[in-house]
N, C-alpha and C. Protein backbone atom coordinates (compact mmCIF):
# COMPACT_ATOMS: atom_id res chain seq x y z
N UNK A 1 -3.72 23.00 6.24
CA UNK A 1 -2.93 22.22 7.14
C UNK A 1 -1.65 21.84 6.43
N UNK A 2 -0.59 21.75 7.17
CA UNK A 2 0.72 21.51 6.60
C UNK A 2 1.45 20.47 7.44
N UNK A 3 2.23 19.66 6.76
CA UNK A 3 2.99 18.61 7.43
C UNK A 3 4.39 19.12 7.70
N UNK A 4 4.81 19.02 8.92
CA UNK A 4 6.18 19.36 9.29
C UNK A 4 7.08 18.25 8.77
N UNK A 5 8.02 18.56 7.85
CA UNK A 5 8.87 17.50 7.28
C UNK A 5 9.60 16.67 8.32
N UNK A 6 9.93 17.25 9.45
CA UNK A 6 10.66 16.49 10.47
C UNK A 6 9.76 15.46 11.16
N UNK A 7 8.44 15.56 10.94
CA UNK A 7 7.54 14.60 11.57
C UNK A 7 7.34 13.35 10.72
N UNK A 8 7.89 13.34 9.50
CA UNK A 8 7.71 12.20 8.62
C UNK A 8 8.82 11.19 8.89
N UNK A 9 8.43 9.99 9.33
CA UNK A 9 9.46 8.98 9.53
C UNK A 9 10.06 8.57 8.19
N UNK A 10 11.36 8.36 8.16
CA UNK A 10 11.95 7.89 6.92
C UNK A 10 11.81 6.38 6.86
N UNK A 11 12.13 5.81 5.71
CA UNK A 11 11.95 4.37 5.55
C UNK A 11 12.93 3.56 6.38
N UNK A 12 13.92 4.20 6.95
CA UNK A 12 14.90 3.45 7.72
C UNK A 12 14.85 3.71 9.21
N UNK A 13 13.98 4.57 9.68
CA UNK A 13 14.00 4.89 11.10
C UNK A 13 12.63 5.14 11.67
N UNK A 14 12.62 5.58 12.89
CA UNK A 14 11.38 5.84 13.60
C UNK A 14 11.12 7.34 13.63
N UNK A 15 9.83 7.74 13.79
CA UNK A 15 9.53 9.16 13.86
C UNK A 15 10.16 9.78 15.10
N UNK A 16 10.57 11.02 14.97
CA UNK A 16 11.17 11.74 16.09
C UNK A 16 10.06 12.47 16.84
N UNK A 17 10.13 12.53 18.16
CA UNK A 17 9.11 13.26 18.91
C UNK A 17 9.14 14.74 18.56
N UNK A 18 7.97 15.35 18.53
CA UNK A 18 7.85 16.76 18.20
C UNK A 18 7.77 17.59 19.47
N UNK A 19 8.53 18.67 19.55
CA UNK A 19 8.42 19.54 20.72
C UNK A 19 7.14 20.38 20.63
N UNK A 20 6.65 20.79 21.78
CA UNK A 20 5.49 21.67 21.81
C UNK A 20 4.18 20.91 21.75
N UNK A 21 3.07 21.65 21.87
CA UNK A 21 1.76 20.99 21.87
C UNK A 21 1.41 20.46 20.49
N UNK A 22 0.71 19.32 20.49
CA UNK A 22 0.27 18.72 19.23
C UNK A 22 -0.93 19.51 18.71
N UNK A 23 -1.01 19.67 17.37
CA UNK A 23 -2.16 20.36 16.81
C UNK A 23 -3.43 19.53 17.04
N UNK A 24 -4.57 20.19 16.97
CA UNK A 24 -5.84 19.51 17.16
C UNK A 24 -6.12 18.53 16.04
N UNK A 25 -7.24 17.82 16.13
CA UNK A 25 -7.55 16.84 15.09
C UNK A 25 -7.78 17.49 13.73
N UNK A 26 -7.40 16.77 12.69
CA UNK A 26 -7.62 17.21 11.32
C UNK A 26 -8.39 16.11 10.60
N UNK A 27 -9.12 16.50 9.57
CA UNK A 27 -9.77 15.51 8.70
C UNK A 27 -8.91 15.46 7.43
N UNK A 28 -8.10 14.41 7.28
CA UNK A 28 -7.20 14.32 6.13
C UNK A 28 -7.98 14.33 4.82
N UNK A 29 -7.33 14.84 3.79
CA UNK A 29 -7.91 14.83 2.45
C UNK A 29 -6.82 14.49 1.45
N UNK A 30 -7.21 14.47 0.17
CA UNK A 30 -6.27 14.07 -0.86
C UNK A 30 -5.08 15.03 -0.97
N UNK A 31 -5.32 16.32 -0.74
CA UNK A 31 -4.21 17.27 -0.80
C UNK A 31 -3.17 16.98 0.28
N UNK A 32 -3.63 16.59 1.45
CA UNK A 32 -2.70 16.24 2.52
C UNK A 32 -1.89 14.99 2.14
N UNK A 33 -2.54 14.03 1.52
CA UNK A 33 -1.83 12.81 1.09
C UNK A 33 -0.81 13.17 0.01
N UNK A 34 -1.18 14.02 -0.93
CA UNK A 34 -0.23 14.45 -1.97
C UNK A 34 0.99 15.11 -1.33
N UNK A 35 0.75 15.98 -0.35
CA UNK A 35 1.84 16.65 0.34
C UNK A 35 2.75 15.63 1.03
N UNK A 36 2.15 14.64 1.66
CA UNK A 36 2.92 13.61 2.34
C UNK A 36 3.74 12.79 1.34
N UNK A 37 3.12 12.39 0.24
CA UNK A 37 3.84 11.61 -0.78
C UNK A 37 4.98 12.43 -1.39
N UNK A 38 4.74 13.72 -1.63
CA UNK A 38 5.81 14.58 -2.14
C UNK A 38 6.97 14.64 -1.15
N UNK A 39 6.66 14.79 0.12
CA UNK A 39 7.72 14.88 1.12
C UNK A 39 8.44 13.55 1.32
N UNK A 40 7.74 12.46 1.03
CA UNK A 40 8.37 11.13 1.10
C UNK A 40 9.15 10.84 -0.19
N UNK A 41 9.05 11.76 -1.16
CA UNK A 41 9.68 11.63 -2.46
C UNK A 41 9.19 10.39 -3.20
N UNK A 42 7.89 10.14 -3.11
CA UNK A 42 7.26 9.04 -3.83
C UNK A 42 6.48 9.59 -5.01
N UNK A 43 6.69 8.98 -6.16
CA UNK A 43 5.93 9.39 -7.34
C UNK A 43 4.53 8.83 -7.23
N UNK A 44 3.56 9.57 -7.77
CA UNK A 44 2.18 9.10 -7.73
C UNK A 44 1.43 9.64 -8.93
N UNK A 45 0.33 8.98 -9.22
CA UNK A 45 -0.57 9.39 -10.30
C UNK A 45 -1.98 9.43 -9.72
N UNK A 46 -2.88 10.07 -10.45
CA UNK A 46 -4.28 10.06 -10.08
C UNK A 46 -4.99 9.16 -11.10
N UNK A 47 -5.72 8.14 -10.61
CA UNK A 47 -6.38 7.21 -11.53
C UNK A 47 -7.70 7.79 -12.04
N UNK A 48 -8.41 7.00 -12.87
CA UNK A 48 -9.66 7.45 -13.47
C UNK A 48 -10.75 7.74 -12.45
N UNK A 49 -10.66 7.13 -11.27
CA UNK A 49 -11.66 7.35 -10.22
C UNK A 49 -11.27 8.49 -9.28
N UNK A 50 -10.13 9.12 -9.53
CA UNK A 50 -9.68 10.23 -8.70
C UNK A 50 -8.86 9.83 -7.50
N UNK A 51 -8.52 8.55 -7.36
CA UNK A 51 -7.69 8.08 -6.25
C UNK A 51 -6.22 8.26 -6.60
N UNK A 52 -5.41 8.49 -5.58
CA UNK A 52 -3.96 8.58 -5.77
C UNK A 52 -3.39 7.17 -5.78
N UNK A 53 -2.40 6.94 -6.64
CA UNK A 53 -1.74 5.64 -6.71
C UNK A 53 -0.24 5.84 -6.85
N UNK A 54 0.52 5.14 -6.02
CA UNK A 54 1.99 5.14 -6.13
C UNK A 54 2.38 3.82 -6.78
N UNK A 55 2.86 3.86 -8.02
CA UNK A 55 3.22 2.62 -8.73
C UNK A 55 4.66 2.20 -8.45
N UNK A 56 4.82 0.96 -8.05
CA UNK A 56 6.14 0.35 -7.91
C UNK A 56 6.31 -0.62 -9.07
N UNK A 57 7.44 -1.27 -9.12
CA UNK A 57 7.72 -2.24 -10.19
C UNK A 57 6.72 -3.40 -10.17
N UNK A 58 6.39 -3.93 -8.99
CA UNK A 58 5.60 -5.15 -8.89
C UNK A 58 4.26 -4.97 -8.20
N UNK A 59 3.90 -3.74 -7.85
CA UNK A 59 2.62 -3.50 -7.20
C UNK A 59 2.28 -2.01 -7.26
N UNK A 60 1.04 -1.71 -6.95
CA UNK A 60 0.55 -0.34 -6.91
C UNK A 60 -0.14 -0.11 -5.58
N UNK A 61 0.15 1.00 -4.94
CA UNK A 61 -0.50 1.33 -3.67
C UNK A 61 -1.42 2.53 -3.89
N UNK A 62 -2.69 2.34 -3.53
CA UNK A 62 -3.71 3.37 -3.70
C UNK A 62 -4.04 4.01 -2.36
N UNK A 63 -4.33 5.31 -2.41
CA UNK A 63 -4.70 6.08 -1.23
C UNK A 63 -6.12 6.59 -1.49
N UNK A 64 -7.09 6.04 -0.77
CA UNK A 64 -8.49 6.28 -1.11
C UNK A 64 -9.28 6.81 0.08
N UNK A 65 -10.23 7.65 -0.22
CA UNK A 65 -11.18 8.15 0.77
C UNK A 65 -12.55 7.64 0.38
N UNK A 66 -13.25 7.02 1.32
CA UNK A 66 -14.58 6.47 1.06
C UNK A 66 -15.52 6.87 2.19
N UNK A 67 -16.80 6.94 1.89
CA UNK A 67 -17.80 7.25 2.90
C UNK A 67 -18.02 8.74 3.00
N UNK A 68 -18.89 9.11 3.92
CA UNK A 68 -19.25 10.52 4.11
C UNK A 68 -19.25 10.89 5.59
N UNK A 69 -19.04 12.16 5.83
CA UNK A 69 -19.12 12.76 7.16
C UNK A 69 -18.38 11.95 8.22
N UNK A 70 -19.06 11.58 9.29
CA UNK A 70 -18.41 10.90 10.41
C UNK A 70 -18.01 9.46 10.08
N UNK A 71 -18.51 8.93 8.99
CA UNK A 71 -18.17 7.55 8.60
C UNK A 71 -17.08 7.49 7.54
N UNK A 72 -16.42 8.62 7.24
CA UNK A 72 -15.40 8.62 6.20
C UNK A 72 -14.20 7.78 6.63
N UNK A 73 -13.70 6.99 5.68
CA UNK A 73 -12.59 6.09 5.93
C UNK A 73 -11.47 6.41 4.95
N UNK A 74 -10.23 6.42 5.45
CA UNK A 74 -9.03 6.52 4.63
C UNK A 74 -8.48 5.11 4.50
N UNK A 75 -8.24 4.69 3.28
CA UNK A 75 -7.75 3.34 3.04
C UNK A 75 -6.49 3.39 2.19
N UNK A 76 -5.50 2.60 2.58
CA UNK A 76 -4.30 2.39 1.78
C UNK A 76 -4.37 0.94 1.33
N UNK A 77 -4.52 0.77 0.02
CA UNK A 77 -4.73 -0.56 -0.54
C UNK A 77 -3.65 -0.84 -1.59
N UNK A 78 -2.98 -1.97 -1.46
CA UNK A 78 -1.91 -2.34 -2.37
C UNK A 78 -2.32 -3.56 -3.19
N UNK A 79 -2.20 -3.42 -4.50
CA UNK A 79 -2.51 -4.50 -5.44
C UNK A 79 -1.18 -5.07 -5.94
N UNK A 80 -0.91 -6.31 -5.57
CA UNK A 80 0.33 -6.97 -5.96
C UNK A 80 0.12 -7.63 -7.32
N UNK A 81 1.04 -7.40 -8.25
CA UNK A 81 0.88 -7.83 -9.64
C UNK A 81 1.26 -9.28 -9.91
N UNK A 82 1.99 -9.91 -9.00
CA UNK A 82 2.46 -11.27 -9.23
C UNK A 82 1.27 -12.23 -9.30
N UNK A 83 1.06 -12.90 -10.44
CA UNK A 83 -0.05 -13.86 -10.55
C UNK A 83 0.34 -15.22 -9.97
N UNK A 84 -0.63 -15.87 -9.32
CA UNK A 84 -0.45 -17.22 -8.81
C UNK A 84 -1.50 -18.11 -9.46
N UNK A 85 -1.15 -19.36 -9.63
CA UNK A 85 -2.11 -20.32 -10.17
C UNK A 85 -3.21 -20.54 -9.12
N UNK A 86 -4.44 -20.57 -9.56
CA UNK A 86 -5.57 -20.76 -8.65
C UNK A 86 -5.43 -22.09 -7.89
N UNK A 87 -4.80 -23.08 -8.50
CA UNK A 87 -4.59 -24.38 -7.85
C UNK A 87 -3.66 -24.26 -6.63
N UNK A 88 -2.88 -23.18 -6.55
CA UNK A 88 -1.96 -22.97 -5.43
C UNK A 88 -2.59 -22.18 -4.29
N UNK A 89 -3.91 -22.01 -4.31
CA UNK A 89 -4.61 -21.19 -3.31
C UNK A 89 -4.28 -21.61 -1.88
N UNK A 90 -4.27 -22.90 -1.58
CA UNK A 90 -4.02 -23.36 -0.21
C UNK A 90 -2.63 -22.90 0.28
N UNK A 91 -1.62 -23.02 -0.56
CA UNK A 91 -0.27 -22.60 -0.20
C UNK A 91 -0.21 -21.10 0.03
N UNK A 92 -0.85 -20.35 -0.86
CA UNK A 92 -0.87 -18.89 -0.74
C UNK A 92 -1.61 -18.47 0.52
N UNK A 93 -2.76 -19.11 0.78
CA UNK A 93 -3.54 -18.77 1.98
C UNK A 93 -2.75 -19.08 3.26
N UNK A 94 -2.02 -20.18 3.28
CA UNK A 94 -1.18 -20.49 4.44
C UNK A 94 -0.16 -19.38 4.68
N UNK A 95 0.46 -18.92 3.60
CA UNK A 95 1.47 -17.87 3.73
C UNK A 95 0.85 -16.56 4.22
N UNK A 96 -0.24 -16.14 3.60
CA UNK A 96 -0.80 -14.84 4.01
C UNK A 96 -1.49 -14.92 5.37
N UNK A 97 -2.00 -16.10 5.74
CA UNK A 97 -2.52 -16.25 7.11
C UNK A 97 -1.40 -16.05 8.13
N UNK A 98 -0.22 -16.59 7.82
CA UNK A 98 0.93 -16.40 8.71
C UNK A 98 1.27 -14.92 8.82
N UNK A 99 1.31 -14.21 7.69
CA UNK A 99 1.57 -12.77 7.70
C UNK A 99 0.52 -12.04 8.53
N UNK A 100 -0.75 -12.34 8.30
CA UNK A 100 -1.83 -11.64 8.99
C UNK A 100 -1.81 -11.88 10.50
N UNK A 101 -1.36 -13.06 10.93
CA UNK A 101 -1.24 -13.35 12.36
C UNK A 101 -0.09 -12.59 13.00
N UNK A 102 1.00 -12.42 12.25
CA UNK A 102 2.22 -11.83 12.80
C UNK A 102 2.30 -10.31 12.72
N UNK A 103 1.51 -9.71 11.85
CA UNK A 103 1.64 -8.27 11.63
C UNK A 103 0.31 -7.55 11.81
N UNK A 104 0.39 -6.25 12.03
CA UNK A 104 -0.81 -5.43 12.15
C UNK A 104 -1.34 -5.01 10.78
N UNK A 105 -0.46 -4.74 9.86
CA UNK A 105 -0.89 -4.29 8.54
C UNK A 105 0.21 -4.54 7.53
N UNK A 106 -0.11 -4.53 6.26
CA UNK A 106 -1.47 -4.58 5.76
C UNK A 106 -2.06 -5.96 5.96
N UNK A 107 -3.36 -6.02 6.13
CA UNK A 107 -4.03 -7.31 6.12
C UNK A 107 -4.15 -7.70 4.65
N UNK A 108 -3.73 -8.91 4.34
CA UNK A 108 -3.65 -9.33 2.94
C UNK A 108 -4.70 -10.40 2.67
N UNK A 109 -5.30 -10.32 1.50
CA UNK A 109 -6.30 -11.30 1.09
C UNK A 109 -6.13 -11.60 -0.39
N UNK A 110 -6.83 -12.64 -0.84
CA UNK A 110 -6.72 -13.06 -2.24
C UNK A 110 -7.88 -12.51 -3.07
N UNK A 111 -7.63 -12.43 -4.36
CA UNK A 111 -8.64 -12.03 -5.34
C UNK A 111 -8.41 -12.89 -6.58
N UNK A 112 -9.47 -13.50 -7.10
CA UNK A 112 -9.33 -14.26 -8.33
C UNK A 112 -9.49 -13.30 -9.50
N UNK A 113 -8.42 -13.19 -10.27
CA UNK A 113 -8.37 -12.29 -11.41
C UNK A 113 -8.72 -13.09 -12.65
N UNK A 114 -9.77 -12.69 -13.32
CA UNK A 114 -10.18 -13.40 -14.53
C UNK A 114 -9.13 -13.22 -15.62
N UNK A 115 -9.07 -14.18 -16.55
CA UNK A 115 -8.07 -14.15 -17.62
C UNK A 115 -8.17 -12.91 -18.49
N UNK A 116 -7.09 -12.61 -19.15
CA UNK A 116 -7.01 -11.46 -20.04
C UNK A 116 -7.43 -11.90 -21.44
N UNK A 117 -8.63 -11.51 -21.84
CA UNK A 117 -9.15 -11.94 -23.14
C UNK A 117 -8.32 -11.40 -24.30
N UNK A 118 -7.62 -10.30 -24.10
CA UNK A 118 -6.80 -9.73 -25.16
C UNK A 118 -5.44 -10.37 -25.27
N UNK A 119 -5.09 -11.24 -24.33
CA UNK A 119 -3.77 -11.86 -24.32
C UNK A 119 -3.65 -12.96 -25.35
N UNK A 120 -2.47 -13.55 -25.44
CA UNK A 120 -2.22 -14.60 -26.40
C UNK A 120 -2.12 -15.95 -25.71
N UNK A 121 -2.63 -16.99 -26.37
CA UNK A 121 -2.51 -18.35 -25.88
C UNK A 121 -3.53 -18.70 -24.82
N UNK A 122 -3.56 -19.99 -24.46
CA UNK A 122 -4.52 -20.51 -23.48
C UNK A 122 -4.27 -19.94 -22.09
N UNK A 123 -3.01 -19.65 -21.76
CA UNK A 123 -2.69 -19.13 -20.44
C UNK A 123 -3.31 -17.76 -20.19
N UNK A 124 -3.50 -16.98 -21.26
CA UNK A 124 -4.03 -15.62 -21.11
C UNK A 124 -5.48 -15.64 -20.63
N UNK A 125 -6.24 -16.68 -20.98
CA UNK A 125 -7.65 -16.76 -20.59
C UNK A 125 -7.85 -17.41 -19.23
N UNK A 126 -6.80 -17.92 -18.65
CA UNK A 126 -6.87 -18.67 -17.40
C UNK A 126 -6.93 -17.72 -16.20
N UNK A 127 -7.88 -17.93 -15.28
CA UNK A 127 -7.92 -17.08 -14.08
C UNK A 127 -6.66 -17.28 -13.23
N UNK A 128 -6.25 -16.22 -12.57
CA UNK A 128 -5.10 -16.28 -11.67
C UNK A 128 -5.50 -15.72 -10.32
N UNK A 129 -4.70 -16.02 -9.34
CA UNK A 129 -4.90 -15.52 -7.99
C UNK A 129 -3.97 -14.32 -7.80
N UNK A 130 -4.51 -13.23 -7.30
CA UNK A 130 -3.73 -12.03 -7.01
C UNK A 130 -3.90 -11.70 -5.53
N UNK A 131 -2.97 -10.93 -4.98
CA UNK A 131 -3.03 -10.55 -3.58
C UNK A 131 -3.27 -9.05 -3.44
N UNK A 132 -4.01 -8.70 -2.41
CA UNK A 132 -4.32 -7.31 -2.11
C UNK A 132 -4.06 -7.10 -0.61
N UNK A 133 -3.35 -6.04 -0.28
CA UNK A 133 -3.10 -5.67 1.11
C UNK A 133 -3.85 -4.39 1.43
N UNK A 134 -4.36 -4.29 2.65
CA UNK A 134 -5.16 -3.13 2.98
C UNK A 134 -5.05 -2.75 4.45
N UNK A 135 -5.04 -1.43 4.68
CA UNK A 135 -5.11 -0.88 6.03
C UNK A 135 -6.07 0.30 5.96
N UNK A 136 -6.86 0.49 7.03
CA UNK A 136 -7.87 1.55 7.03
C UNK A 136 -7.85 2.32 8.33
N UNK A 137 -8.33 3.58 8.23
CA UNK A 137 -8.44 4.43 9.39
C UNK A 137 -9.73 5.24 9.27
N UNK A 138 -10.52 5.23 10.32
CA UNK A 138 -11.72 6.06 10.38
C UNK A 138 -11.27 7.50 10.64
N UNK A 139 -11.62 8.42 9.73
CA UNK A 139 -11.12 9.80 9.84
C UNK A 139 -12.23 10.84 9.92
N UNK A 140 -13.48 10.42 9.86
CA UNK A 140 -14.60 11.35 9.76
C UNK A 140 -14.68 12.39 10.84
N UNK A 141 -14.33 12.07 12.06
CA UNK A 141 -14.40 13.04 13.16
C UNK A 141 -13.05 13.71 13.40
N UNK A 142 -12.07 13.36 12.60
CA UNK A 142 -10.75 13.95 12.73
C UNK A 142 -9.78 13.02 13.45
N UNK A 143 -8.53 13.18 13.13
CA UNK A 143 -7.45 12.40 13.75
C UNK A 143 -6.28 13.34 13.97
N UNK A 144 -5.38 12.93 14.82
CA UNK A 144 -4.16 13.70 15.03
C UNK A 144 -3.33 13.63 13.74
N UNK A 145 -2.76 14.75 13.35
CA UNK A 145 -1.93 14.81 12.15
C UNK A 145 -0.74 13.86 12.28
N UNK A 146 -0.13 13.83 13.46
CA UNK A 146 1.01 12.94 13.68
C UNK A 146 0.61 11.47 13.51
N UNK A 147 -0.56 11.11 14.03
CA UNK A 147 -1.04 9.73 13.88
C UNK A 147 -1.29 9.40 12.41
N UNK A 148 -1.91 10.31 11.69
CA UNK A 148 -2.20 10.09 10.27
C UNK A 148 -0.90 9.90 9.49
N UNK A 149 0.05 10.79 9.69
CA UNK A 149 1.32 10.72 8.96
C UNK A 149 2.07 9.44 9.30
N UNK A 150 2.23 9.14 10.59
CA UNK A 150 3.01 7.95 10.96
C UNK A 150 2.31 6.67 10.51
N UNK A 151 0.99 6.63 10.57
CA UNK A 151 0.26 5.44 10.11
C UNK A 151 0.42 5.25 8.62
N UNK A 152 0.24 6.31 7.85
CA UNK A 152 0.33 6.21 6.39
C UNK A 152 1.73 5.77 5.98
N UNK A 153 2.76 6.37 6.56
CA UNK A 153 4.14 5.98 6.24
C UNK A 153 4.38 4.53 6.63
N UNK A 154 3.90 4.11 7.78
CA UNK A 154 4.07 2.72 8.22
C UNK A 154 3.35 1.76 7.28
N UNK A 155 2.18 2.13 6.82
CA UNK A 155 1.42 1.26 5.91
C UNK A 155 2.13 1.10 4.58
N UNK A 156 2.69 2.18 4.06
CA UNK A 156 3.44 2.10 2.80
C UNK A 156 4.66 1.21 3.00
N UNK A 157 5.36 1.43 4.06
CA UNK A 157 6.56 0.63 4.35
C UNK A 157 6.21 -0.85 4.49
N UNK A 158 5.14 -1.15 5.21
CA UNK A 158 4.73 -2.54 5.41
C UNK A 158 4.29 -3.19 4.10
N UNK A 159 3.70 -2.42 3.20
CA UNK A 159 3.31 -2.96 1.89
C UNK A 159 4.53 -3.40 1.10
N UNK A 160 5.59 -2.61 1.19
CA UNK A 160 6.86 -2.96 0.54
C UNK A 160 7.44 -4.21 1.20
N UNK A 161 7.43 -4.24 2.52
CA UNK A 161 7.99 -5.37 3.25
C UNK A 161 7.23 -6.66 2.97
N UNK A 162 5.90 -6.57 2.82
CA UNK A 162 5.13 -7.78 2.53
C UNK A 162 5.60 -8.40 1.23
N UNK A 163 5.82 -7.61 0.20
CA UNK A 163 6.26 -8.15 -1.08
C UNK A 163 7.59 -8.87 -0.93
N UNK A 164 8.52 -8.26 -0.22
CA UNK A 164 9.83 -8.89 0.02
C UNK A 164 9.67 -10.17 0.84
N UNK A 165 8.82 -10.12 1.87
CA UNK A 165 8.58 -11.27 2.75
C UNK A 165 8.00 -12.43 1.96
N UNK A 166 7.03 -12.15 1.10
CA UNK A 166 6.38 -13.21 0.33
C UNK A 166 7.36 -13.89 -0.61
N UNK A 167 8.21 -13.10 -1.26
CA UNK A 167 9.24 -13.67 -2.14
C UNK A 167 10.11 -14.64 -1.35
N UNK A 168 10.51 -14.22 -0.15
CA UNK A 168 11.36 -15.05 0.71
C UNK A 168 10.62 -16.30 1.19
N UNK A 169 9.38 -16.15 1.66
CA UNK A 169 8.61 -17.27 2.22
C UNK A 169 8.31 -18.34 1.19
N UNK A 170 7.98 -17.93 -0.02
CA UNK A 170 7.58 -18.89 -1.05
C UNK A 170 8.73 -19.27 -1.98
N UNK A 171 9.91 -18.71 -1.73
CA UNK A 171 11.06 -19.03 -2.58
C UNK A 171 10.86 -18.56 -4.00
N UNK A 172 10.22 -17.41 -4.16
CA UNK A 172 9.93 -16.88 -5.48
C UNK A 172 11.12 -16.11 -6.02
N UNK A 173 11.15 -15.97 -7.29
CA UNK A 173 12.16 -15.18 -7.96
C UNK A 173 11.75 -13.71 -7.83
N UNK A 174 12.60 -12.85 -7.27
CA UNK A 174 12.24 -11.43 -7.22
C UNK A 174 12.02 -10.91 -8.64
N UNK A 175 10.97 -10.15 -8.83
CA UNK A 175 10.62 -9.66 -10.17
C UNK A 175 11.63 -8.62 -10.66
N UNK A 176 12.15 -7.77 -9.76
CA UNK A 176 13.12 -6.76 -10.17
C UNK A 176 14.50 -7.40 -10.24
N UNK A 177 15.11 -7.36 -11.41
CA UNK A 177 16.38 -8.03 -11.62
C UNK A 177 17.58 -7.14 -11.31
N UNK A 178 17.31 -5.87 -10.90
CA UNK A 178 18.42 -4.96 -10.69
C UNK A 178 19.11 -5.17 -9.35
N UNK A 179 18.48 -5.90 -8.42
CA UNK A 179 19.11 -6.18 -7.15
C UNK A 179 19.12 -5.03 -6.17
N UNK A 180 18.58 -3.88 -6.57
CA UNK A 180 18.57 -2.71 -5.68
C UNK A 180 17.36 -2.71 -4.79
N UNK A 181 17.35 -1.77 -3.87
CA UNK A 181 16.21 -1.61 -2.97
C UNK A 181 15.04 -1.09 -3.78
N UNK A 182 13.88 -1.71 -3.64
CA UNK A 182 12.70 -1.32 -4.38
C UNK A 182 11.78 -0.51 -3.48
N UNK A 183 12.29 0.62 -2.98
CA UNK A 183 11.48 1.42 -2.07
C UNK A 183 10.92 2.66 -2.74
N UNK A 184 11.24 2.91 -3.97
CA UNK A 184 10.69 4.06 -4.67
C UNK A 184 9.75 3.55 -5.77
N UNK A 185 8.65 4.24 -5.98
CA UNK A 185 7.75 3.83 -7.05
C UNK A 185 8.44 3.90 -8.40
N UNK A 186 7.99 3.04 -9.30
CA UNK A 186 8.51 3.04 -10.66
C UNK A 186 7.94 4.24 -11.41
N UNK A 187 8.68 4.73 -12.39
CA UNK A 187 8.16 5.81 -13.23
C UNK A 187 7.06 5.29 -14.11
N UNK A 188 6.00 6.05 -14.22
CA UNK A 188 4.94 5.73 -15.16
C UNK A 188 4.83 6.88 -16.11
N UNK A 189 5.13 6.62 -17.35
CA UNK A 189 5.06 7.69 -18.34
C UNK A 189 3.82 7.59 -19.15
């Protein structure tokens, strides 16, 4: 299966309608995701578990397949690196509840990250609150290629937008000091 490059929405616009009949359902796989990421010009790596990950400056977005046969699920999960003090949980929950009410994806939730034992000082051992965004699609019986492509692109775009939105909502200092658009993954060497 192959993705028509003209069917991939860019980060600044909407997908263009395709002429002719739509292809039948496909069961997406990792090769299809790699092809899509290549065409989106996004850098990615394969982690130790075999999942694809697109690393940005302040977060990582994973593209994962879980389950078997008709119950197989495609998940796009973003791990945001900005640590929050556990004592600020109520403020963070208010913000992400607002996001979750207003948007379709990613749905964002909190995770308590245990301290880094290898770090230095008392702060390194202190648990922090981290955020995770997630969107899922049941793909076991097949989906339209156009739906898969447009959903995946929208989920990546929304993950980027959530980070920008959170910085704005909480009055946080943007982590990237270059002032440029942070729409491309960071290089990982």
